[in-house]
C-alpha atoms as a PDB file:
ATOM      1  CA  MET A   1       1.515   5.555   3.583  1.00  0.00           C
ATOM      2  CA  TRP A   2       3.438   3.581   5.581  1.00  0.00           C
ATOM      3  CA  ILE A   3       4.564   0.064   4.974  1.00  0.00           C
ATOM      4  CA  PRO A   4       5.412  -2.281   8.165  1.00  0.00           C
ATOM      5  CA  PRO A   5       8.656  -3.293   8.900  1.00  0.00           C
ATOM      6  CA  ASP A   6      10.330  -6.760   6.972  1.00  0.00           C
ATOM      7  CA  LEU A   7       7.540  -6.091   4.011  1.00  0.00           C
ATOM      8  CA  GLY A   8       9.119  -7.917   0.893  1.00  0.00           C
ATOM      9  CA  GLY A   9       8.899  -6.900  -2.757  1.00  0.00           C
ATOM     10  CA  GLY A  10       9.134  -7.872  -6.292  1.00  0.00           C
ATOM     11  CA  GLY A  11       6.263 -10.990  -5.778  1.00  0.00           C
ATOM     12  CA  PRO A  12       4.865 -12.645  -8.879  1.00  0.00           C
ATOM     13  CA  LEU A  13       2.123 -10.369 -10.826  1.00  0.00           C
ATOM     14  CA  GLY A  14      -0.238 -11.242 -12.848  1.00  0.00           C
ATOM     15  CA  ILE A  15      -0.851  -9.177 -16.294  1.00  0.00           C
ATOM     16  CA  ASP A  16      -3.861  -7.768 -15.868  1.00  0.00           C
ATOM     17  CA  GLY A  17      -3.136  -6.731 -12.138  1.00  0.00           C
ATOM     18  CA  GLU A  18      -6.249  -8.309 -11.119  1.00  0.00           C
ATOM     19  CA  TRP A  19      -4.600 -11.629  -9.257  1.00  0.00           C
ATOM     20  CA  CYS A  20      -1.566 -13.420  -9.621  1.00  0.00           C
ATOM     21  CA  ALA A  21      -0.688 -16.590  -7.985  1.00  0.00           C
ATOM     22  CA  GLY A  22       2.289 -19.062  -7.523  1.00  0.00           C
ATOM     23  CA  ARG A  23       4.497 -20.883  -5.206  1.00  0.00           C
ATOM     24  CA  ALA A  24       5.975 -18.495  -2.571  1.00  0.00           C
ATOM     25  CA  ALA A  25       9.940 -17.845  -2.488  1.00  0.00           C
ATOM     26  CA  SER A  26       9.861 -18.095   1.317  1.00  0.00           C
ATOM     27  CA  SER A  27      10.740 -21.716   2.730  1.00  0.00           C
ATOM     28  CA  ARG A  28       8.268 -20.289   5.600  1.00  0.00           C
ATOM     29  CA  ASP A  29       4.947 -20.657   2.940  1.00  0.00           C
ATOM     30  CA  THR A  30       2.564 -23.114   3.650  1.00  0.00           C
ATOM     31  CA  GLY A  31       0.452 -22.444   0.448  1.00  0.00           C
ATOM     32  CA  GLU A  32      -0.534 -20.720  -2.739  1.00  0.00           C
ATOM     33  CA  VAL A  33       0.238 -17.002  -2.645  1.00  0.00           C
ATOM     34  CA  SER A  34      -1.946 -14.384  -5.150  1.00  0.00           C
ATOM     35  CA  VAL A  35      -3.026 -10.756  -5.148  1.00  0.00           C
ATOM     36  CA  ARG A  36      -6.445 -10.379  -6.176  1.00  0.00           C
ATOM     37  CA  ARG A  37      -9.225  -7.574  -6.553  1.00  0.00           C
ATOM     38  CA  ARG A  38     -11.055  -7.004  -2.714  1.00  0.00           C
ATOM     39  CA  ALA A  39     -14.768  -8.078  -2.201  1.00  0.00           C
ATOM     40  CA  VAL A  40     -16.886  -6.845   0.244  1.00  0.00           C
ATOM     41  CA  GLU A  41     -16.161 -10.178   1.865  1.00  0.00           C
ATOM     42  CA  ASP A  42     -12.722  -9.520   2.551  1.00  0.00           C
ATOM     43  CA  LEU A  43     -13.181  -6.603   4.662  1.00  0.00           C
ATOM     44  CA  PRO A  44     -13.616  -9.048   7.937  1.00  0.00           C
ATOM     45  CA  GLY A  45      -9.780 -10.651   7.047  1.00  0.00           C
ATOM     46  CA  CYS A  46      -8.685  -6.960   6.473  1.00  0.00           C
ATOM     47  CA  VAL A  47      -9.837  -5.676   9.294  1.00  0.00           C
ATOM     48  CA  ARG A  48      -8.119  -9.110  11.579  1.00  0.00           C
ATOM     49  CA  VAL A  49      -4.852  -8.551   9.516  1.00  0.00           C
ATOM     50  CA  LEU A  50      -4.858  -4.371  10.262  1.00  0.00           C
ATOM     51  CA  GLU A  51      -5.257  -5.164  13.820  1.00  0.00           C
ATOM     52  CA  ALA A  52      -1.977  -7.415  13.829  1.00  0.00           C
ATOM     53  CA  VAL A  53       0.026  -4.655  12.116  1.00  0.00           C
ATOM     54  CA  HIS A  54      -1.510  -1.929  14.377  1.00  0.00           C
ATOM     55  CA  ALA A  55      -0.565  -4.177  17.435  1.00  0.00           C
ATOM     56  CA  ALA A  56       2.461  -4.695  16.414  1.00  0.00           C
ATOM     57  CA  ASN A  57       3.623  -1.545  14.638  1.00  0.00           C
ATOM     58  CA  ALA A  58       1.149   1.035  15.412  1.00  0.00           C
ATOM     59  CA  TYR A  59      -0.064   1.445  12.009  1.00  0.00           C
ATOM     60  CA  PRO A  60      -2.379   3.165  11.240  1.00  0.00           C
ATOM     61  CA  MET A  61      -1.332   5.976  14.338  1.00  0.00           C
ATOM     62  CA  TRP A  62      -4.496   6.131  15.434  1.00  0.00           C
ATOM     63  CA  TRP A  63      -7.032   3.057  15.554  1.00  0.00           C
ATOM     64  CA  PRO A  64     -10.394   4.085  13.513  1.00  0.00           C
ATOM     65  CA  ALA A  65     -13.620   4.036  14.967  1.00  0.00           C
ATOM     66  CA  ASP A  66     -14.724   2.169  11.609  1.00  0.00           C
ATOM     67  CA  PRO A  67     -11.546   0.221  10.557  1.00  0.00           C
ATOM     68  CA  ALA A  68     -13.495  -1.713   7.658  1.00  0.00           C
ATOM     69  CA  GLY A  69     -14.735   2.372   6.334  1.00  0.00           C
ATOM     70  CA  TRP A  70     -11.147   3.330   6.759  1.00  0.00           C
ATOM     71  CA  LEU A  71      -9.870   0.651   4.450  1.00  0.00           C
ATOM     72  CA  SER A  72     -12.092   2.639   1.828  1.00  0.00           C
ATOM     73  CA  PRO A  73     -10.729   6.183   2.334  1.00  0.00           C
ATOM     74  CA  VAL A  74     -12.800   8.823  -0.093  1.00  0.00           C
ATOM     75  CA  GLY A  75     -11.526   8.961  -3.250  1.00  0.00           C
ATOM     76  CA  TRP A  76     -10.787   4.947  -3.656  1.00  0.00           C
ATOM     77  CA  THR A  77     -11.611   2.968  -6.989  1.00  0.00           C
ATOM     78  CA  ALA A  78      -9.852  -0.224  -6.314  1.00  0.00           C
ATOM     79  CA  ALA A  79      -8.053  -2.151  -3.831  1.00  0.00           C
ATOM     80  CA  TRP A  80      -6.854  -5.773  -3.378  1.00  0.00           C
ATOM     81  CA  VAL A  81      -5.809  -8.047  -0.628  1.00  0.00           C
ATOM     82  CA  ALA A  82      -3.058 -10.862  -0.826  1.00  0.00           C
ATOM     83  CA  GLU A  83      -3.583 -14.352   0.512  1.00  0.00           C
ATOM     84  CA  VAL A  84      -1.436 -16.998   1.444  1.00  0.00           C
ATOM     85  CA  ALA A  85      -3.364 -20.266   1.217  1.00  0.00           C
ATOM     86  CA  GLY A  86      -6.645 -18.576   0.938  1.00  0.00           C
ATOM     87  CA  VAL A  87      -6.728 -16.166   3.921  1.00  0.00           C
ATOM     88  CA  VAL A  88      -6.021 -12.474   3.403  1.00  0.00           C
ATOM     89  CA  VAL A  89      -2.640 -11.193   4.656  1.00  0.00           C
ATOM     90  CA  GLY A  90      -2.607  -8.165   2.775  1.00  0.00           C
ATOM     91  CA  HIS A  91      -4.286  -4.633   1.483  1.00  0.00           C
ATOM     92  CA  VAL A  92      -3.704  -2.025  -0.731  1.00  0.00           C
ATOM     93  CA  CYS A  93      -5.733   0.675  -2.267  1.00  0.00           C
ATOM     94  CA  VAL A  94      -6.168   3.227  -4.836  1.00  0.00           C
ATOM     95  CA  VAL A  95      -7.459   6.804  -4.153  1.00  0.00           C
ATOM     96  CA  ARG A  96      -8.307   8.993  -7.002  1.00  0.00           C
ATOM     97  CA  GLY A  97      -8.884  12.785  -6.777  1.00  0.00           C
ATOM     98  CA  VAL A  98      -6.018  13.813  -4.597  1.00  0.00           C
ATOM     99  CA  GLU A  99      -4.740  17.250  -4.684  1.00  0.00           C
ATOM    100  CA  ASP A 100      -0.889  17.759  -4.038  1.00  0.00           C
ATOM    101  CA  PRO A 101       0.418  20.995  -5.543  1.00  0.00           C
ATOM    102  CA  LEU A 102       4.074  20.067  -5.643  1.00  0.00           C
ATOM    103  CA  VAL A 103       3.228  16.683  -7.468  1.00  0.00           C
ATOM    104  CA  THR A 104       1.336  18.616 -10.301  1.00  0.00           C
ATOM    105  CA  SER A 105       3.480  21.142 -10.681  1.00  0.00           C
ATOM    106  CA  LEU A 106       6.173  18.172 -11.236  1.00  0.00           C
ATOM    107  CA  THR A 107       4.025  15.895 -13.474  1.00  0.00           C
ATOM    108  CA  GLY A 108       1.135  18.050 -14.904  1.00  0.00           C
ATOM    109  CA  ALA A 109      -1.249  15.832 -13.051  1.00  0.00           C
ATOM    110  CA  GLY A 110      -4.111  17.621 -11.363  1.00  0.00           C
ATOM    111  CA  PRO A 111      -6.923  15.713  -9.274  1.00  0.00           C
ATOM    112  CA  ASP A 112      -8.292  14.226 -12.151  1.00  0.00           C
ATOM    113  CA  ARG A 113      -5.411  12.501 -13.203  1.00  0.00           C
ATOM    114  CA  LEU A 114      -3.438  12.188  -9.909  1.00  0.00           C
ATOM    115  CA  GLY A 115      -3.939   8.967  -7.681  1.00  0.00           C
ATOM    116  CA  MET A 116      -2.316   7.608  -4.624  1.00  0.00           C
ATOM    117  CA  VAL A 117      -1.317   4.173  -3.049  1.00  0.00           C
ATOM    118  CA  SER A 118      -3.489   3.919   0.295  1.00  0.00           C
ATOM    119  CA  ARG A 119      -3.804   1.582   3.021  1.00  0.00           C
ATOM    120  CA  LEU A 120      -1.096  -0.725   2.111  1.00  0.00           C
ATOM    121  CA  PHE A 121      -0.335  -3.404   4.951  1.00  0.00           C
ATOM    122  CA  ILE A 122       1.221  -6.956   5.457  1.00  0.00           C
ATOM    123  CA  ALA A 123       0.343  -9.444   8.214  1.00  0.00           C
ATOM    124  CA  PRO A 124       3.606  -9.657  10.502  1.00  0.00           C
ATOM    125  CA  GLU A 125       3.668 -13.218   9.816  1.00  0.00           C
ATOM    126  CA  ALA A 126       3.473 -13.072   6.201  1.00  0.00           C
ATOM    127  CA  ARG A 127       6.221 -10.642   5.776  1.00  0.00           C
ATOM    128  CA  GLY A 128       9.366 -11.313   3.369  1.00  0.00           C
ATOM    129  CA  ARG A 129       6.998 -12.987   1.159  1.00  0.00           C
ATOM    130  CA  GLY A 130       7.109 -10.524  -1.779  1.00  0.00           C
ATOM    131  CA  LEU A 131       3.437  -9.567  -1.124  1.00  0.00           C
ATOM    132  CA  GLY A 132       4.289  -5.824  -0.700  1.00  0.00           C
ATOM    133  CA  GLY A 133       5.627  -5.436  -3.947  1.00  0.00           C
ATOM    134  CA  SER A 134       3.135  -7.432  -5.429  1.00  0.00           C
ATOM    135  CA  LEU A 135       0.424  -5.304  -3.989  1.00  0.00           C
ATOM    136  CA  LEU A 136       2.000  -1.867  -4.955  1.00  0.00           C
ATOM    137  CA  GLY A 137       2.874  -4.024  -8.661  1.00  0.00           C
ATOM    138  CA  ALA A 138      -1.514  -4.427  -8.536  1.00  0.00           C
ATOM    139  CA  GLY A 139      -1.865  -0.662  -7.784  1.00  0.00           C
ATOM    140  CA  SER A 140       0.590   0.291 -10.290  1.00  0.00           C
ATOM    141  CA  LEU A 141      -0.804  -1.491 -13.062  1.00  0.00           C
ATOM    142  CA  TYR A 142      -4.150  -0.073 -12.331  1.00  0.00           C
ATOM    143  CA  ALA A 143      -3.081   3.072 -12.389  1.00  0.00           C
ATOM    144  CA  SER A 144      -1.009   2.495 -15.470  1.00  0.00           C
ATOM    145  CA  GLU A 145      -4.075   1.558 -17.725  1.00  0.00           C
ATOM    146  CA  LEU A 146      -6.315   4.008 -16.649  1.00  0.00           C
ATOM    147  CA  GLY A 147      -3.288   7.044 -17.505  1.00  0.00           C
ATOM    148  CA  LEU A 148      -3.064   8.194 -13.545  1.00  0.00           C
ATOM    149  CA  GLN A 149       0.125   9.460 -12.456  1.00  0.00           C
ATOM    150  CA  LEU A 150       0.676   7.436  -8.969  1.00  0.00           C
ATOM    151  CA  MET A 151       2.222   8.836  -5.516  1.00  0.00           C
ATOM    152  CA  LEU A 152       2.670   7.885  -2.339  1.00  0.00           C
ATOM    153  CA  ASP A 153       3.992   8.848   1.318  1.00  0.00           C
ATOM    154  CA  VAL A 154       5.744   7.043   3.986  1.00  0.00           C
ATOM    155  CA  VAL A 155       6.914   8.135   7.527  1.00  0.00           C
ATOM    156  CA  ASP A 156      10.504   8.603   6.736  1.00  0.00           C
ATOM    157  CA  ASP A 157      11.815   5.983   9.440  1.00  0.00           C
ATOM    158  CA  ALA A 158      10.330   3.324   7.597  1.00  0.00           C
ATOM    159  CA  GLY A 159      13.550   1.915   6.061  1.00  0.00           C
ATOM    160  CA  PRO A 160      12.127  -1.465   5.041  1.00  0.00           C
ATOM    161  CA  ALA A 161       9.132   0.275   3.068  1.00  0.00           C
ATOM    162  CA  VAL A 162      11.366   2.927   1.524  1.00  0.00           C
ATOM    163  CA  ALA A 163      13.885   0.487   0.208  1.00  0.00           C
ATOM    164  CA  LEU A 164      10.754  -1.428  -1.434  1.00  0.00           C
ATOM    165  CA  TYR A 165       9.915   1.757  -3.262  1.00  0.00           C
ATOM    166  CA  GLU A 166      13.494   2.401  -4.556  1.00  0.00           C
ATOM    167  CA  ARG A 167      13.890  -1.033  -5.347  1.00  0.00           C
ATOM    168  CA  ALA A 168      10.739  -0.985  -7.610  1.00  0.00           C
ATOM    169  CA  GLY A 169      11.619   2.405  -8.946  1.00  0.00           C
ATOM    170  CA  TRP A 170       9.530   4.823  -6.858  1.00  0.00           C
ATOM    171  CA  ARG A 171      11.475   8.195  -7.129  1.00  0.00           C
ATOM    172  CA  LEU A 172      11.586  10.532  -3.874  1.00  0.00           C
ATOM    173  CA  VAL A 173      10.271  14.162  -5.226  1.00  0.00           C
ATOM    174  CA  ASP A 174       9.587  15.667  -1.308  1.00  0.00           C
ATOM    175  CA  ARG A 175      10.125  15.582   2.442  1.00  0.00           C
ATOM    176  CA  ARG A 176       7.181  17.204   4.510  1.00  0.00           C
ATOM    177  CA  LEU A 177       5.837  16.957   7.710  1.00  0.00           C
ATOM    178  CA  THR A 178       2.502  14.939   8.126  1.00  0.00           C
ATOM    179  CA  ASP A 179      -0.855  16.886   8.176  1.00  0.00           C
ATOM    180  CA  TRP A 180      -2.138  14.604  11.310  1.00  0.00           C
ATOM    181  CA  THR A 181      -0.608  14.189  14.591  1.00  0.00           C
ATOM    182  CA  THR A 182       0.421  11.251  16.599  1.00  0.00           C
ATOM    183  CA  PRO A 183      -1.367  10.438  19.513  1.00  0.00           C
ATOM    184  CA  HIS A 184       1.651  12.667  21.515  1.00  0.00           C
ATOM    185  CA  GLY A 185       0.803  15.510  19.032  1.00  0.00           C
ATOM    186  CA  ASP A 186       3.933  15.175  17.083  1.00  0.00           C
ATOM    187  CA  ARG A 187       3.638  15.678  13.249  1.00  0.00           C
ATOM    188  CA  LEU A 188       5.917  13.007  11.585  1.00  0.00           C
ATOM    189  CA  PRO A 189       8.482  13.561   8.770  1.00  0.00           C
ATOM    190  CA  VAL A 190       6.768  11.964   5.306  1.00  0.00           C
ATOM    191  CA  ARG A 191       8.720  11.323   2.127  1.00  0.00           C
ATOM    192  CA  ILE A 192       6.951  11.128  -0.914  1.00  0.00           C
ATOM    193  CA  TYR A 193       7.156   9.284  -3.877  1.00  0.00           C
ATOM    194  CA  LEU A 194       6.219   9.398  -7.932  1.00  0.00           C
ATOM    195  CA  ALA A 195       5.815   6.104  -9.672  1.00  0.00           C
ATOM    196  CA  PRO A 196       8.358   4.866 -12.078  1.00  0.00           C
ATOM    197  CA  ASP A 197       7.739   6.023 -15.638  1.00  0.00           C
END
């Protein structure tokens, strides 16, 4: 999991984690900001945002053959979008059935209770409005309601993403190399975080 640079945190979050709305804190805002459950109709907008993020930040590292399918990885159980003035500008999902021996040894949560934040990204022009924090909060609330231990991984050079997670109280538990390679064949260092208690 990697969050592009300049990603904000701490935006408004509805109690049910399904949706939130309010005026954005940024003077760059031109409309209502909301986070809500992703619908099938949102996928084309999500793919457009993903294209912009890929062009700006090389995320994902490899462009998927089926970008809409990539947004729903194996094991995903819920996804949310962030909108500004009704336009999709961000995305996150939660994946269940995660197997991570280290996290299981630390938490006792096996694949039936272990979830992962995945596919979290914000359009370059929408960053700095707290949308990353709001999306992360929606996924965290969902996991909490289901009794899931939530984790995430982030490329270790993603300073703003690391800052967001640490501000939100996520706990660094490991550093390791990715199980995938870059187009140049490199395995990148990642940080593994656990959601706050």
